[in-house]
């Protein structure tokens, strides 16, 4: 499936920039939370929970960043809308929802089962 994906590429780059900013803010929040201070046990427990949530958000952002980078690479190579597992075309509606997907619905479903 060939096509001009300049708009998609531009949107992916915008998503990447937004995620980079979000990851920077998350990292800064965790660093500030790690700063020494006089906290009672409840405050420390709450802070630890917040750190876990921030860490999870950071990890999710990192995974999404990598997926977006790979999608941009696929656009540059000319195989953007092709499933990286089976080689079939990825449904354009699926790519509209998540433009960084690398698999068709069939292959993604099979991967989830394993």
PDB file of N, CA and C in Angstrom:
ATOM      1  N   UNK A   1       0.857  -1.181   0.000  1.00  0.00           N
ATOM      2  CA  UNK A   1       0.000   0.000   0.000  1.00  0.00           C
ATOM      3  C   UNK A   1       0.897   1.234   0.000  1.00  0.00           C
ATOM      4  N   UNK A   2       0.797   1.989  -1.017  1.00  0.00           N
ATOM      5  CA  UNK A   2       1.615   3.201  -1.072  1.00  0.00           C
ATOM      6  C   UNK A   2       0.720   4.403  -0.823  1.00  0.00           C
ATOM      7  N   UNK A   3       1.347   5.464  -0.436  1.00  0.00           N
ATOM      8  CA  UNK A   3       0.555   6.654  -0.188  1.00  0.00           C
ATOM      9  C   UNK A   3       1.443   7.775   0.293  1.00  0.00           C
ATOM     10  N   UNK A   4       0.879   8.951   0.296  1.00  0.00           N
ATOM     11  CA  UNK A   4       1.604  10.100   0.797  1.00  0.00           C
ATOM     12  C   UNK A   4       1.193  10.298   2.249  1.00  0.00           C
ATOM     13  N   UNK A   5       2.146  10.094   3.123  1.00  0.00           N
ATOM     14  CA  UNK A   5       1.868  10.152   4.551  1.00  0.00           C
ATOM     15  C   UNK A   5       2.521  11.357   5.220  1.00  0.00           C
ATOM     16  N   UNK A   6       2.679  12.449   4.473  1.00  0.00           N
ATOM     17  CA  UNK A   6       3.300  13.653   5.040  1.00  0.00           C
ATOM     18  C   UNK A   6       2.515  14.175   6.249  1.00  0.00           C
ATOM     19  N   UNK A   7       1.180  14.206   6.134  1.00  0.00           N
ATOM     20  CA  UNK A   7       0.365  14.685   7.251  1.00  0.00           C
ATOM     21  C   UNK A   7       0.487  13.761   8.455  1.00  0.00           C
ATOM     22  N   UNK A   8       0.485  12.467   8.206  1.00  0.00           N
ATOM     23  CA  UNK A   8       0.623  11.498   9.293  1.00  0.00           C
ATOM     24  C   UNK A   8       1.980  11.671   9.963  1.00  0.00           C
ATOM     25  N   UNK A   9       3.021  11.818   9.145  1.00  0.00           N
ATOM     26  CA  UNK A   9       4.374  11.996   9.684  1.00  0.00           C
ATOM     27  C   UNK A   9       4.444  13.256  10.553  1.00  0.00           C
ATOM     28  N   UNK A  10       3.843  14.331  10.072  1.00  0.00           N
ATOM     29  CA  UNK A  10       3.819  15.590  10.823  1.00  0.00           C
ATOM     30  C   UNK A  10       3.089  15.396  12.161  1.00  0.00           C
ATOM     31  N   UNK A  11       1.943  14.702  12.124  1.00  0.00           N
ATOM     32  CA  UNK A  11       1.189  14.447  13.355  1.00  0.00           C
ATOM     33  C   UNK A  11       1.974  13.576  14.323  1.00  0.00           C
ATOM     34  N   UNK A  12       2.689  12.580  13.787  1.00  0.00           N
ATOM     35  CA  UNK A  12       3.511  11.719  14.646  1.00  0.00           C
ATOM     36  C   UNK A  12       4.633  12.515  15.311  1.00  0.00           C
ATOM     37  N   UNK A  13       5.233  13.414  14.572  1.00  0.00           N
ATOM     38  CA  UNK A  13       6.301  14.248  15.145  1.00  0.00           C
ATOM     39  C   UNK A  13       5.727  15.144  16.242  1.00  0.00           C
ATOM     40  N   UNK A  14       4.529  15.680  16.027  1.00  0.00           N
ATOM     41  CA  UNK A  14       3.878  16.489  17.061  1.00  0.00           C
ATOM     42  C   UNK A  14       3.592  15.646  18.305  1.00  0.00           C
ATOM     43  N   UNK A  15       3.114  14.425  18.102  1.00  0.00           N
ATOM     44  CA  UNK A  15       2.861  13.521  19.223  1.00  0.00           C
ATOM     45  C   UNK A  15       4.158  13.230  19.980  1.00  0.00           C
ATOM     46  N   UNK A  16       5.226  13.029  19.232  1.00  0.00           N
ATOM     47  CA  UNK A  16       6.529  12.737  19.822  1.00  0.00           C
ATOM     48  C   UNK A  16       7.013  13.901  20.673  1.00  0.00           C
ATOM     49  N   UNK A  17       6.867  15.109  20.162  1.00  0.00           N
ATOM     50  CA  UNK A  17       7.278  16.297  20.917  1.00  0.00           C
ATOM     51  C   UNK A  17       6.457  16.438  22.191  1.00  0.00           C
ATOM     52  N   UNK A  18       5.150  16.197  22.100  1.00  0.00           N
ATOM     53  CA  UNK A  18       4.280  16.290  23.272  1.00  0.00           C
ATOM     54  C   UNK A  18       4.664  15.243  24.326  1.00  0.00           C
ATOM     55  N   UNK A  19       4.928  14.024  23.870  1.00  0.00           N
ATOM     56  CA  UNK A  19       5.327  12.970  24.801  1.00  0.00           C
ATOM     57  C   UNK A  19       6.680  13.261  25.443  1.00  0.00           C
ATOM     58  N   UNK A  20       7.610  13.806  24.662  1.00  0.00           N
ATOM     59  CA  UNK A  20       8.913  14.179  25.220  1.00  0.00           C
ATOM     60  C   UNK A  20       8.746  15.214  26.329  1.00  0.00           C
ATOM     61  N   UNK A  21       7.870  16.194  26.099  1.00  0.00           N
ATOM     62  CA  UNK A  21       7.602  17.220  27.118  1.00  0.00           C
ATOM     63  C   UNK A  21       6.968  16.588  28.358  1.00  0.00           C
ATOM     64  N   UNK A  22       6.009  15.700  28.136  1.00  0.00           N
ATOM     65  CA  UNK A  22       5.328  15.046  29.252  1.00  0.00           C
ATOM     66  C   UNK A  22       6.329  14.200  30.057  1.00  0.00           C
ATOM     67  N   UNK A  23       7.201  13.479  29.356  1.00  0.00           N
ATOM     68  CA  UNK A  23       8.197  12.645  30.033  1.00  0.00           C
ATOM     69  C   UNK A  23       9.169  13.500  30.833  1.00  0.00           C
ATOM     70  N   UNK A  24       9.542  14.643  30.295  1.00  0.00           N
ATOM     71  CA  UNK A  24      10.424  15.564  31.024  1.00  0.00           C
ATOM     72  C   UNK A  24       9.743  16.036  32.304  1.00  0.00           C
ATOM     73  N   UNK A  25       8.467  16.400  32.215  1.00  0.00           N
ATOM     74  CA  UNK A  25       7.739  16.856  33.401  1.00  0.00           C
ATOM     75  C   UNK A  25       7.612  15.738  34.434  1.00  0.00           C
ATOM     76  N   UNK A  26       7.336  14.523  33.973  1.00  0.00           N
ATOM     77  CA  UNK A  26       7.229  13.385  34.897  1.00  0.00           C
ATOM     78  C   UNK A  26       8.552  13.164  35.605  1.00  0.00           C
ATOM     79  N   UNK A  27       9.641  13.192  34.838  1.00  0.00           N
ATOM     80  CA  UNK A  27      10.971  12.992  35.415  1.00  0.00           C
ATOM     81  C   UNK A  27      11.288  14.077  36.438  1.00  0.00           C
ATOM     82  N   UNK A  28      10.938  15.314  36.121  1.00  0.00           N
ATOM     83  CA  UNK A  28      11.174  16.411  37.065  1.00  0.00           C
ATOM     84  C   UNK A  28      10.331  16.238  38.326  1.00  0.00           C
ATOM     85  N   UNK A  29       9.078  15.811  38.166  1.00  0.00           N
ATOM     86  CA  UNK A  29       8.215  15.597  39.332  1.00  0.00           C
ATOM     87  C   UNK A  29       8.786  14.531  40.250  1.00  0.00           C
ATOM     88  N   UNK A  30       9.288  13.448  39.669  1.00  0.00           N
ATOM     89  CA  UNK A  30       9.864  12.376  40.480  1.00  0.00           C
ATOM     90  C   UNK A  30      11.119  12.873  41.188  1.00  0.00           C
ATOM     91  N   UNK A  31      11.945  13.641  40.496  1.00  0.00           N
ATOM     92  CA  UNK A  31      13.163  14.170  41.126  1.00  0.00           C
ATOM     93  C   UNK A  31      12.826  15.071  42.308  1.00  0.00           C
ATOM     94  N   UNK A  32      11.814  15.944  42.139  1.00  0.00           N
ATOM     95  CA  UNK A  32      11.414  16.833  43.229  1.00  0.00           C
ATOM     96  C   UNK A  32      10.849  16.031  44.396  1.00  0.00           C
ATOM     97  N   UNK A  33      10.148  14.981  44.083  1.00  0.00           N
ATOM     98  CA  UNK A  33       9.560  14.158  45.141  1.00  0.00           C
ATOM     99  C   UNK A  33      10.636  13.419  45.928  1.00  0.00           C
ATOM    100  N   UNK A  34      11.766  13.127  45.268  1.00  0.00           N
ATOM    101  CA  UNK A  34      12.854  12.416  45.930  1.00  0.00           C
ATOM    102  C   UNK A  34      13.707  13.318  46.816  1.00  0.00           C
ATOM    103  N   UNK A  35      13.494  14.622  46.719  1.00  0.00           N
ATOM    104  CA  UNK A  35      14.284  15.541  47.530  1.00  0.00           C
ATOM    105  C   UNK A  35      13.972  15.336  49.002  1.00  0.00           C
ATOM    106  N   UNK A  36      14.999  15.427  49.808  1.00  0.00           N
ATOM    107  CA  UNK A  36      14.836  15.204  51.242  1.00  0.00           C
ATOM    108  C   UNK A  36      13.938  16.282  51.838  1.00  0.00           C
ATOM    109  N   UNK A  37      13.181  15.884  52.799  1.00  0.00           N
ATOM    110  CA  UNK A  37      12.304  16.829  53.479  1.00  0.00           C
ATOM    111  C   UNK A  37      11.744  16.166  54.715  1.00  0.00           C
ATOM    112  N   UNK A  38      11.210  16.960  55.557  1.00  0.00           N
ATOM    113  CA  UNK A  38      10.622  16.416  56.775  1.00  0.00           C
ATOM    114  C   UNK A  38       9.193  15.989  56.452  1.00  0.00           C
ATOM    115  N   UNK A  39       9.012  14.687  56.384  1.00  0.00           N
ATOM    116  CA  UNK A  39       7.694  14.162  56.068  1.00  0.00           C
ATOM    117  C   UNK A  39       7.341  13.105  57.101  1.00  0.00           C
ATOM    118  N   UNK A  40       6.067  13.064  57.461  1.00  0.00           N
ATOM    119  CA  UNK A  40       5.648  12.002  58.367  1.00  0.00           C
ATOM    120  C   UNK A  40       5.387  10.736  57.551  1.00  0.00           C
ATOM    121  N   UNK A  41       5.072   9.666  58.239  1.00  0.00           N
ATOM    122  CA  UNK A  41       4.901   8.373  57.588  1.00  0.00           C
ATOM    123  C   UNK A  41       3.810   8.412  56.516  1.00  0.00           C
ATOM    124  N   UNK A  42       2.674   9.035  56.805  1.00  0.00           N
ATOM    125  CA  UNK A  42       1.574   9.109  55.839  1.00  0.00           C
ATOM    126  C   UNK A  42       1.983   9.869  54.593  1.00  0.00           C
ATOM    127  N   UNK A  43       2.691  10.968  54.770  1.00  0.00           N
ATOM    128  CA  UNK A  43       3.158  11.754  53.619  1.00  0.00           C
ATOM    129  C   UNK A  43       4.132  10.944  52.779  1.00  0.00           C
ATOM    130  N   UNK A  44       5.013  10.200  53.445  1.00  0.00           N
ATOM    131  CA  UNK A  44       5.978   9.364  52.717  1.00  0.00           C
ATOM    132  C   UNK A  44       5.265   8.261  51.945  1.00  0.00           C
ATOM    133  N   UNK A  45       4.255   7.641  52.558  1.00  0.00           N
ATOM    134  CA  UNK A  45       3.499   6.585  51.884  1.00  0.00           C
ATOM    135  C   UNK A  45       2.779   7.140  50.658  1.00  0.00           C
ATOM    136  N   UNK A  46       2.164   8.302  50.830  1.00  0.00           N
ATOM    137  CA  UNK A  46       1.473   8.945  49.708  1.00  0.00           C
ATOM    138  C   UNK A  46       2.467   9.290  48.601  1.00  0.00           C
ATOM    139  N   UNK A  47       3.623   9.808  48.994  1.00  0.00           N
ATOM    140  CA  UNK A  47       4.641  10.165  48.014  1.00  0.00           C
ATOM    141  C   UNK A  47       5.138   8.931  47.261  1.00  0.00           C
ATOM    142  N   UNK A  48       5.304   7.827  47.978  1.00  0.00           N
ATOM    143  CA  UNK A  48       5.736   6.583  47.330  1.00  0.00           C
ATOM    144  C   UNK A  48       4.706   6.112  46.307  1.00  0.00           C
ATOM    145  N   UNK A  49       3.434   6.217  46.660  1.00  0.00           N
ATOM    146  CA  UNK A  49       2.377   5.862  45.714  1.00  0.00           C
ATOM    147  C   UNK A  49       2.417   6.773  44.491  1.00  0.00           C
ATOM    148  N   UNK A  50       2.588   8.055  44.730  1.00  0.00           N
ATOM    149  CA  UNK A  50       2.685   9.008  43.616  1.00  0.00           C
ATOM    150  C   UNK A  50       3.872   8.691  42.727  1.00  0.00           C
ATOM    151  N   UNK A  51       4.993   8.328  43.331  1.00  0.00           N
ATOM    152  CA  UNK A  51       6.187   7.979  42.557  1.00  0.00           C
ATOM    153  C   UNK A  51       5.934   6.754  41.683  1.00  0.00           C
ATOM    154  N   UNK A  52       5.204   5.777  42.228  1.00  0.00           N
ATOM    155  CA  UNK A  52       4.891   4.580  41.448  1.00  0.00           C
ATOM    156  C   UNK A  52       4.015   4.927  40.243  1.00  0.00           C
ATOM    157  N   UNK A  53       3.033   5.787  40.458  1.00  0.00           N
ATOM    158  CA  UNK A  53       2.160   6.217  39.361  1.00  0.00           C
ATOM    159  C   UNK A  53       2.982   6.981  38.316  1.00  0.00           C
ATOM    160  N   UNK A  54       3.828   7.895  38.777  1.00  0.00           N
ATOM    161  CA  UNK A  54       4.668   8.678  37.868  1.00  0.00           C
ATOM    162  C   UNK A  54       5.599   7.752  37.072  1.00  0.00           C
ATOM    163  N   UNK A  55       6.152   6.750  37.737  1.00  0.00           N
ATOM    164  CA  UNK A  55       7.048   5.807  37.071  1.00  0.00           C
ATOM    165  C   UNK A  55       6.297   5.027  35.992  1.00  0.00           C
ATOM    166  N   UNK A  56       5.089   4.609  36.306  1.00  0.00           N
ATOM    167  CA  UNK A  56       4.260   3.885  35.337  1.00  0.00           C
ATOM    168  C   UNK A  56       3.930   4.772  34.129  1.00  0.00           C
ATOM    169  N   UNK A  57       3.564   6.023  34.407  1.00  0.00           N
ATOM    170  CA  UNK A  57       3.283   6.970  33.320  1.00  0.00           C
ATOM    171  C   UNK A  57       4.519   7.205  32.461  1.00  0.00           C
ATOM    172  N   UNK A  58       5.664   7.319  33.111  1.00  0.00           N
ATOM    173  CA  UNK A  58       6.910   7.512  32.373  1.00  0.00           C
ATOM    174  C   UNK A  58       7.224   6.328  31.487  1.00  0.00           C
ATOM    175  N   UNK A  59       7.038   5.120  32.013  1.00  0.00           N
ATOM    176  CA  UNK A  59       7.298   3.922  31.215  1.00  0.00           C
ATOM    177  C   UNK A  59       6.346   3.826  30.038  1.00  0.00           C
ATOM    178  N   UNK A  60       5.076   4.159  30.247  1.00  0.00           N
ATOM    179  CA  UNK A  60       4.098   4.148  29.151  1.00  0.00           C
ATOM    180  C   UNK A  60       4.482   5.160  28.075  1.00  0.00           C
ATOM    181  N   UNK A  61       4.921   6.335  28.501  1.00  0.00           N
ATOM    182  CA  UNK A  61       5.338   7.369  27.549  1.00  0.00           C
ATOM    183  C   UNK A  61       6.543   6.891  26.745  1.00  0.00           C
ATOM    184  N   UNK A  62       7.501   6.216  27.405  1.00  0.00           N
ATOM    185  CA  UNK A  62       8.686   5.715  26.705  1.00  0.00           C
ATOM    186  C   UNK A  62       8.318   4.682  25.641  1.00  0.00           C
ATOM    187  N   UNK A  63       7.388   3.788  25.972  1.00  0.00           N
ATOM    188  CA  UNK A  63       6.936   2.768  25.018  1.00  0.00           C
ATOM    189  C   UNK A  63       6.257   3.437  23.821  1.00  0.00           C
ATOM    190  N   UNK A  64       5.411   4.417  24.101  1.00  0.00           N
ATOM    191  CA  UNK A  64       4.708   5.123  23.025  1.00  0.00           C
ATOM    192  C   UNK A  64       5.697   5.908  22.156  1.00  0.00           C
ATOM    193  N   UNK A  65       6.700   6.516  22.767  1.00  0.00           N
ATOM    194  CA  UNK A  65       7.730   7.248  22.025  1.00  0.00           C
ATOM    195  C   UNK A  65       8.441   6.320  21.050  1.00  0.00           C
ATOM    196  N   UNK A  66       8.812   5.139  21.512  1.00  0.00           N
ATOM    197  CA  UNK A  66       9.497   4.179  20.632  1.00  0.00           C
ATOM    198  C   UNK A  66       8.597   3.750  19.483  1.00  0.00           C
ATOM    199  N   UNK A  67       7.321   3.503  19.756  1.00  0.00           N
ATOM    200  CA  UNK A  67       6.381   3.111  18.704  1.00  0.00           C
ATOM    201  C   UNK A  67       6.235   4.224  17.666  1.00  0.00           C
ATOM    202  N   UNK A  68       6.187   5.466  18.122  1.00  0.00           N
ATOM    203  CA  UNK A  68       6.064   6.603  17.198  1.00  0.00           C
ATOM    204  C   UNK A  68       7.323   6.729  16.347  1.00  0.00           C
ATOM    205  N   UNK A  69       8.488   6.581  16.958  1.00  0.00           N
ATOM    206  CA  UNK A  69       9.738   6.649  16.197  1.00  0.00           C
ATOM    207  C   UNK A  69       9.784   5.573  15.121  1.00  0.00           C
ATOM    208  N   UNK A  70       9.331   4.366  15.466  1.00  0.00           N
ATOM    209  CA  UNK A  70       9.315   3.292  14.467  1.00  0.00           C
ATOM    210  C   UNK A  70       8.317   3.589  13.347  1.00  0.00           C
ATOM    211  N   UNK A  71       7.186   4.193  13.684  1.00  0.00           N
ATOM    212  CA  UNK A  71       6.209   4.546  12.651  1.00  0.00           C
ATOM    213  C   UNK A  71       6.798   5.577  11.685  1.00  0.00           C
ATOM    214  N   UNK A  72       7.514   6.554  12.219  1.00  0.00           N
ATOM    215  CA  UNK A  72       8.167   7.557  11.361  1.00  0.00           C
ATOM    216  C   UNK A  72       9.202   6.878  10.459  1.00  0.00           C
ATOM    217  N   UNK A  73       9.949   5.939  11.008  1.00  0.00           N
ATOM    218  CA  UNK A  73      10.929   5.193  10.205  1.00  0.00           C
ATOM    219  C   UNK A  73      10.235   4.415   9.090  1.00  0.00           C
ATOM    220  N   UNK A  74       9.074   3.798   9.402  1.00  0.00           N
ATOM    221  CA  UNK A  74       8.342   3.046   8.380  1.00  0.00           C
ATOM    222  C   UNK A  74       7.822   3.973   7.287  1.00  0.00           C
ATOM    223  N   UNK A  75       7.384   5.168   7.657  1.00  0.00           N
ATOM    224  CA  UNK A  75       6.955   6.140   6.642  1.00  0.00           C
ATOM    225  C   UNK A  75       8.142   6.464   5.744  1.00  0.00           C
ATOM    226  N   UNK A  76       9.294   6.720   6.342  1.00  0.00           N
ATOM    227  CA  UNK A  76      10.486   7.076   5.570  1.00  0.00           C
ATOM    228  C   UNK A  76      10.936   5.935   4.658  1.00  0.00           C
ATOM    229  N   UNK A  77      10.738   4.691   5.101  1.00  0.00           N
ATOM    230  CA  UNK A  77      11.113   3.517   4.296  1.00  0.00           C
ATOM    231  C   UNK A  77      10.089   3.204   3.218  1.00  0.00           C
ATOM    232  N   UNK A  78       8.845   3.686   3.430  1.00  0.00           N
ATOM    233  CA  UNK A  78       7.786   3.412   2.459  1.00  0.00           C
ATOM    234  C   UNK A  78       6.940   2.207   2.804  1.00  0.00           C
ATOM    235  N   UNK A  79       7.034   1.675   4.024  1.00  0.00           N
ATOM    236  CA  UNK A  79       6.200   0.533   4.390  1.00  0.00           C
ATOM    237  C   UNK A  79       5.351   0.820   5.629  1.00  0.00           C
ATOM    238  N   UNK A  80       4.917   2.053   5.735  1.00  0.00           N
ATOM    239  CA  UNK A  80       4.175   2.507   6.909  1.00  0.00           C
ATOM    240  C   UNK A  80       2.897   1.711   7.160  1.00  0.00           C
ATOM    241  N   UNK A  81       2.047   1.555   6.184  1.00  0.00           N
ATOM    242  CA  UNK A  81       0.726   0.956   6.386  1.00  0.00           C
ATOM    243  C   UNK A  81       0.733  -0.556   6.169  1.00  0.00           C
ATOM    244  N   UNK A  82       1.904  -1.157   6.294  1.00  0.00           N
ATOM    245  CA  UNK A  82       2.060  -2.594   6.108  1.00  0.00           C
ATOM    246  C   UNK A  82       2.316  -3.245   7.467  1.00  0.00           C
ATOM    247  N   UNK A  83       1.592  -4.320   7.748  1.00  0.00           N
ATOM    248  CA  UNK A  83       1.770  -5.046   9.008  1.00  0.00           C
ATOM    249  C   UNK A  83       3.198  -5.589   9.066  1.00  0.00           C
ATOM    250  N   UNK A  84       3.875  -5.302  10.156  1.00  0.00           N
ATOM    251  CA  UNK A  84       5.268  -5.720  10.318  1.00  0.00           C
ATOM    252  C   UNK A  84       5.386  -7.216  10.632  1.00  0.00           C
ATOM    253  N   UNK A  85       4.253  -7.882  10.859  1.00  0.00           N
ATOM    254  CA  UNK A  85       4.263  -9.314  11.145  1.00  0.00           C
ATOM    255  C   UNK A  85       3.926 -10.136   9.918  1.00  0.00           C
ATOM    256  N   UNK A  86       2.789  -9.833   9.270  1.00  0.00           N
ATOM    257  CA  UNK A  86       2.335 -10.674   8.151  1.00  0.00           C
ATOM    258  C   UNK A  86       2.551 -10.041   6.781  1.00  0.00           C
ATOM    259  N   UNK A  87       2.808  -8.737   6.718  1.00  0.00           N
ATOM    260  CA  UNK A  87       3.042  -8.072   5.438  1.00  0.00           C
ATOM    261  C   UNK A  87       1.778  -7.601   4.735  1.00  0.00           C
ATOM    262  N   UNK A  88       0.621  -7.812   5.345  1.00  0.00           N
ATOM    263  CA  UNK A  88      -0.643  -7.352   4.763  1.00  0.00           C
ATOM    264  C   UNK A  88      -0.860  -5.876   5.104  1.00  0.00           C
ATOM    265  N   UNK A  89      -1.753  -5.252   4.388  1.00  0.00           N
ATOM    266  CA  UNK A  89      -2.074  -3.840   4.650  1.00  0.00           C
ATOM    267  C   UNK A  89      -2.801  -3.710   5.991  1.00  0.00           C
ATOM    268  N   UNK A  90      -2.464  -2.643   6.716  1.00  0.00           N
ATOM    269  CA  UNK A  90      -3.165  -2.316   7.955  1.00  0.00           C
ATOM    270  C   UNK A  90      -4.354  -1.446   7.582  1.00  0.00           C
ATOM    271  N   UNK A  91      -5.502  -1.746   8.159  1.00  0.00           N
ATOM    272  CA  UNK A  91      -6.714  -0.998   7.881  1.00  0.00           C
ATOM    273  C   UNK A  91      -6.477   0.492   8.161  1.00  0.00           C
ATOM    274  N   UNK A  92      -6.745   1.363   7.170  1.00  0.00           N
ATOM    275  CA  UNK A  92      -6.538   2.807   7.360  1.00  0.00           C
ATOM    276  C   UNK A  92      -7.307   3.378   8.562  1.00  0.00           C
ATOM    277  N   UNK A  93      -8.485   2.836   8.843  1.00  0.00           N
ATOM    278  CA  UNK A  93      -9.260   3.302   9.994  1.00  0.00           C
ATOM    279  C   UNK A  93      -8.533   2.980  11.299  1.00  0.00           C
ATOM    280  N   UNK A  94      -7.863   1.857  11.336  1.00  0.00           N
ATOM    281  CA  UNK A  94      -7.070   1.469  12.512  1.00  0.00           C
ATOM    282  C   UNK A  94      -5.921   2.457  12.710  1.00  0.00           C
ATOM    283  N   UNK A  95      -5.280   2.849  11.620  1.00  0.00           N
ATOM    284  CA  UNK A  95      -4.169   3.802  11.697  1.00  0.00           C
ATOM    285  C   UNK A  95      -4.637   5.208  12.045  1.00  0.00           C
ATOM    286  N   UNK A  96      -5.877   5.536  11.698  1.00  0.00           N
ATOM    287  CA  UNK A  96      -6.409   6.852  12.082  1.00  0.00           C
ATOM    288  C   UNK A  96      -6.536   6.951  13.598  1.00  0.00           C
ATOM    289  N   UNK A  97      -6.899   5.839  14.222  1.00  0.00           N
ATOM    290  CA  UNK A  97      -7.087   5.825  15.673  1.00  0.00           C
ATOM    291  C   UNK A  97      -5.740   5.869  16.390  1.00  0.00           C
ATOM    292  N   UNK A  98      -4.824   4.996  15.984  1.00  0.00           N
ATOM    293  CA  UNK A  98      -3.475   4.942  16.564  1.00  0.00           C
ATOM    294  C   UNK A  98      -2.467   4.884  15.417  1.00  0.00           C
ATOM    295  N   UNK A  99      -2.000   6.029  14.968  1.00  0.00           N
ATOM    296  CA  UNK A  99      -1.164   6.085  13.764  1.00  0.00           C
ATOM    297  C   UNK A  99       0.215   5.431  13.899  1.00  0.00           C
ATOM    298  N   UNK A 100       0.568   4.974  15.076  1.00  0.00           N
ATOM    299  CA  UNK A 100       1.877   4.354  15.250  1.00  0.00           C
ATOM    300  C   UNK A 100       1.802   2.828  15.353  1.00  0.00           C
ATOM    301  N   UNK A 101       0.627   2.255  15.077  1.00  0.00           N
ATOM    302  CA  UNK A 101       0.496   0.808  15.125  1.00  0.00           C
ATOM    303  C   UNK A 101       1.337   0.151  14.033  1.00  0.00           C
ATOM    304  N   UNK A 102       1.889  -1.013  14.346  1.00  0.00           N
ATOM    305  CA  UNK A 102       2.752  -1.711  13.394  1.00  0.00           C
ATOM    306  C   UNK A 102       2.158  -3.037  12.942  1.00  0.00           C
ATOM    307  N   UNK A 103       0.974  -3.369  13.454  1.00  0.00           N
ATOM    308  CA  UNK A 103       0.369  -4.649  13.107  1.00  0.00           C
ATOM    309  C   UNK A 103      -1.090  -4.478  12.697  1.00  0.00           C
ATOM    310  N   UNK A 104      -1.526  -5.373  11.818  1.00  0.00           N
ATOM    311  CA  UNK A 104      -2.941  -5.430  11.483  1.00  0.00           C
ATOM    312  C   UNK A 104      -3.684  -5.992  12.696  1.00  0.00           C
ATOM    313  N   UNK A 105      -4.989  -5.894  12.689  1.00  0.00           N
ATOM    314  CA  UNK A 105      -5.787  -6.334  13.828  1.00  0.00           C
ATOM    315  C   UNK A 105      -5.621  -7.827  14.087  1.00  0.00           C
ATOM    316  N   UNK A 106      -5.514  -8.616  13.032  1.00  0.00           N
ATOM    317  CA  UNK A 106      -5.375 -10.068  13.174  1.00  0.00           C
ATOM    318  C   UNK A 106      -4.067 -10.409  13.916  1.00  0.00           C
ATOM    319  N   UNK A 107      -2.968  -9.842  13.485  1.00  0.00           N
ATOM    320  CA  UNK A 107      -1.673 -10.122  14.110  1.00  0.00           C
ATOM    321  C   UNK A 107      -1.599  -9.571  15.534  1.00  0.00           C
ATOM    322  N   UNK A 108      -2.187  -8.404  15.751  1.00  0.00           N
ATOM    323  CA  UNK A 108      -2.201  -7.831  17.098  1.00  0.00           C
ATOM    324  C   UNK A 108      -3.006  -8.706  18.034  1.00  0.00           C
ATOM    325  N   UNK A 109      -4.126  -9.254  17.557  1.00  0.00           N
ATOM    326  CA  UNK A 109      -4.945 -10.144  18.374  1.00  0.00           C
ATOM    327  C   UNK A 109      -4.193 -11.414  18.715  1.00  0.00           C
ATOM    328  N   UNK A 110      -3.487 -11.967  17.749  1.00  0.00           N
ATOM    329  CA  UNK A 110      -2.697 -13.181  17.995  1.00  0.00           C
ATOM    330  C   UNK A 110      -1.584 -12.914  19.002  1.00  0.00           C
ATOM    331  N   UNK A 111      -0.955 -11.760  18.901  1.00  0.00           N
ATOM    332  CA  UNK A 111       0.136 -11.402  19.816  1.00  0.00           C
ATOM    333  C   UNK A 111      -0.370 -11.260  21.239  1.00  0.00           C
ATOM    334  N   UNK A 112      -1.577 -10.721  21.410  1.00  0.00           N
ATOM    335  CA  UNK A 112      -2.152 -10.545  22.746  1.00  0.00           C
ATOM    336  C   UNK A 112      -2.458 -11.888  23.404  1.00  0.00           C
ATOM    337  N   UNK A 113      -2.797 -12.879  22.605  1.00  0.00           N
ATOM    338  CA  UNK A 113      -3.144 -14.201  23.149  1.00  0.00           C
ATOM    339  C   UNK A 113      -1.910 -14.935  23.669  1.00  0.00           C
ATOM    340  N   UNK A 114      -0.736 -14.536  23.189  1.00  0.00           N
ATOM    341  CA  UNK A 114       0.486 -15.246  23.603  1.00  0.00           C
ATOM    342  C   UNK A 114       1.194 -14.520  24.664  1.00  0.00           C
TER     343      UNK A 114
END
